[in-house]
Amino acid sequence: MKQLGMVLVAVALAAAAWWWLTVEMPRREQAHKAAAEAAAIQARRADTLYRWRDDAGNLHVTDQPPKGRRYERIPRTPRDGIAVDGGKS
């Protein structure tokens, strides 16, 4: 009787391990990938400015896109290798 109980416990543990490895782990990996993608999108949005012109032709650069108007997305941080020097003339 004791051996039958040990076999049943071993089978139950094997079934739990199978479920964890085939169902739960892939689900958690997919959720982790989705969260990482959402964080990457949010980081790109945080690094974006919007350049657009109003009806009078004035140039605006804002952190929110204008509604109902064409705009261009520009990064806040310069690309690697670009020197930014305000003293050049």
C-alpha atoms as a PDB file:
ATOM      1  CA  MET A   1       0.000   0.000   0.000  1.00  0.00           C
ATOM      2  CA  LYS A   2       2.842   2.365   0.857  1.00  0.00           C
ATOM      3  CA  GLN A   3       4.488   1.692  -2.509  1.00  0.00           C
ATOM      4  CA  LEU A   4       1.244   2.488  -4.332  1.00  0.00           C
ATOM      5  CA  GLY A   5       1.087   5.821  -2.504  1.00  0.00           C
ATOM      6  CA  MET A   6       4.659   6.620  -3.495  1.00  0.00           C
ATOM      7  CA  VAL A   7       3.902   5.763  -7.137  1.00  0.00           C
ATOM      8  CA  LEU A   8       0.818   7.993  -7.098  1.00  0.00           C
ATOM      9  CA  VAL A   9       2.840  10.865  -5.605  1.00  0.00           C
ATOM     10  CA  ALA A  10       5.538  10.370  -8.250  1.00  0.00           C
ATOM     11  CA  VAL A  11       2.927  10.340 -11.035  1.00  0.00           C
ATOM     12  CA  ALA A  12       1.307  13.472  -9.620  1.00  0.00           C
ATOM     13  CA  LEU A  13       4.671  15.245  -9.428  1.00  0.00           C
ATOM     14  CA  ALA A  14       5.514  14.176 -12.978  1.00  0.00           C
ATOM     15  CA  ALA A  15       2.152  15.466 -14.223  1.00  0.00           C
ATOM     16  CA  ALA A  16       2.669  18.771 -12.402  1.00  0.00           C
ATOM     17  CA  ALA A  17       6.164  19.123 -13.876  1.00  0.00           C
ATOM     18  CA  TRP A  18       4.844  18.328 -17.374  1.00  0.00           C
ATOM     19  CA  TRP A  19       2.079  20.929 -16.999  1.00  0.00           C
ATOM     20  CA  TRP A  20       4.530  23.549 -15.723  1.00  0.00           C
ATOM     21  CA  LEU A  21       7.008  23.005 -18.544  1.00  0.00           C
ATOM     22  CA  THR A  22       4.478  22.751 -21.404  1.00  0.00           C
ATOM     23  CA  VAL A  23       1.750  25.186 -20.355  1.00  0.00           C
ATOM     24  CA  GLU A  24       2.810  27.604 -17.643  1.00  0.00           C
ATOM     25  CA  MET A  25       6.374  28.418 -18.716  1.00  0.00           C
ATOM     26  CA  PRO A  26       5.462  29.306 -22.351  1.00  0.00           C
ATOM     27  CA  ARG A  27       2.566  31.450 -21.078  1.00  0.00           C
ATOM     28  CA  ARG A  28       4.899  33.326 -18.725  1.00  0.00           C
ATOM     29  CA  GLU A  29       7.517  33.770 -21.460  1.00  0.00           C
ATOM     30  CA  GLN A  30       4.859  35.190 -23.803  1.00  0.00           C
ATOM     31  CA  ALA A  31       3.652  37.596 -21.102  1.00  0.00           C
ATOM     32  CA  HIS A  32       7.250  38.656 -20.444  1.00  0.00           C
ATOM     33  CA  LYS A  33       7.857  39.294 -24.159  1.00  0.00           C
ATOM     34  CA  ALA A  34       4.651  41.345 -24.406  1.00  0.00           C
ATOM     35  CA  ALA A  35       5.675  43.433 -21.398  1.00  0.00           C
ATOM     36  CA  ALA A  36       9.145  43.998 -22.870  1.00  0.00           C
ATOM     37  CA  GLU A  37       7.641  45.088 -26.207  1.00  0.00           C
ATOM     38  CA  ALA A  38       5.277  47.485 -24.440  1.00  0.00           C
ATOM     39  CA  ALA A  39       8.187  48.943 -22.473  1.00  0.00           C
ATOM     40  CA  ALA A  40      10.209  49.394 -25.666  1.00  0.00           C
ATOM     41  CA  ILE A  41       7.308  51.210 -27.351  1.00  0.00           C
ATOM     42  CA  GLN A  42       6.886  53.444 -24.310  1.00  0.00           C
ATOM     43  CA  ALA A  43      10.611  54.234 -24.281  1.00  0.00           C
ATOM     44  CA  ARG A  44      10.517  55.202 -27.980  1.00  0.00           C
ATOM     45  CA  ARG A  45       7.519  57.458 -27.333  1.00  0.00           C
ATOM     46  CA  ALA A  46       9.284  59.091 -24.382  1.00  0.00           C
ATOM     47  CA  ASP A  47      12.264  59.815 -26.641  1.00  0.00           C
ATOM     48  CA  THR A  48      10.119  61.383 -29.385  1.00  0.00           C
ATOM     49  CA  LEU A  49       9.378  65.015 -30.154  1.00  0.00           C
ATOM     50  CA  TYR A  50       6.932  66.226 -32.792  1.00  0.00           C
ATOM     51  CA  ARG A  51       7.802  68.939 -35.318  1.00  0.00           C
ATOM     52  CA  TRP A  52       4.939  70.702 -37.097  1.00  0.00           C
ATOM     53  CA  ARG A  53       3.806  74.050 -38.475  1.00  0.00           C
ATOM     54  CA  ASP A  54       0.698  75.998 -37.541  1.00  0.00           C
ATOM     55  CA  ASP A  55      -1.631  77.826 -39.965  1.00  0.00           C
ATOM     56  CA  ALA A  56       0.653  80.889 -39.938  1.00  0.00           C
ATOM     57  CA  GLY A  57       3.650  78.744 -40.913  1.00  0.00           C
ATOM     58  CA  ASN A  58       5.345  78.958 -37.516  1.00  0.00           C
ATOM     59  CA  LEU A  59       7.449  75.942 -36.589  1.00  0.00           C
ATOM     60  CA  HIS A  60       6.573  74.123 -33.360  1.00  0.00           C
ATOM     61  CA  VAL A  61       8.380  71.301 -31.586  1.00  0.00           C
ATOM     62  CA  THR A  62       6.287  69.655 -28.880  1.00  0.00           C
ATOM     63  CA  ASP A  63       6.240  66.478 -26.843  1.00  0.00           C
ATOM     64  CA  GLN A  64       2.657  65.707 -27.921  1.00  0.00           C
ATOM     65  CA  PRO A  65       1.556  65.330 -31.559  1.00  0.00           C
ATOM     66  CA  PRO A  66      -0.856  67.983 -32.824  1.00  0.00           C
ATOM     67  CA  LYS A  67      -4.416  66.915 -33.526  1.00  0.00           C
ATOM     68  CA  GLY A  68      -5.604  67.118 -37.111  1.00  0.00           C
ATOM     69  CA  ARG A  69      -2.282  68.340 -38.493  1.00  0.00           C
ATOM     70  CA  ARG A  70       0.681  66.748 -40.243  1.00  0.00           C
ATOM     71  CA  TYR A  71       3.769  66.329 -38.103  1.00  0.00           C
ATOM     72  CA  GLU A  72       7.183  64.723 -38.154  1.00  0.00           C
ATOM     73  CA  ARG A  73       8.567  62.556 -35.367  1.00  0.00           C
ATOM     74  CA  ILE A  74      12.091  63.408 -34.295  1.00  0.00           C
ATOM     75  CA  PRO A  75      14.193  61.765 -31.562  1.00  0.00           C
ATOM     76  CA  ARG A  76      15.078  63.763 -28.448  1.00  0.00           C
ATOM     77  CA  THR A  77      18.557  62.273 -28.288  1.00  0.00           C
ATOM     78  CA  PRO A  78      20.992  62.729 -31.163  1.00  0.00           C
ATOM     79  CA  ARG A  79      22.261  59.681 -33.015  1.00  0.00           C
ATOM     80  CA  ASP A  80      25.682  58.312 -32.125  1.00  0.00           C
ATOM     81  CA  GLY A  81      28.465  60.117 -33.930  1.00  0.00           C
ATOM     82  CA  ILE A  82      26.653  63.453 -34.261  1.00  0.00           C
ATOM     83  CA  ALA A  83      28.347  66.314 -32.457  1.00  0.00           C
ATOM     84  CA  VAL A  84      26.060  68.981 -31.062  1.00  0.00           C
ATOM     85  CA  ASP A  85      27.833  72.307 -30.515  1.00  0.00           C
ATOM     86  CA  GLY A  86      25.865  75.505 -30.111  1.00  0.00           C
ATOM     87  CA  GLY A  87      28.999  77.666 -30.422  1.00  0.00           C
ATOM     88  CA  LYS A  88      29.635  77.049 -34.117  1.00  0.00           C
ATOM     89  CA  SER A  89      28.850  79.849 -36.499  1.00  0.00           C
END
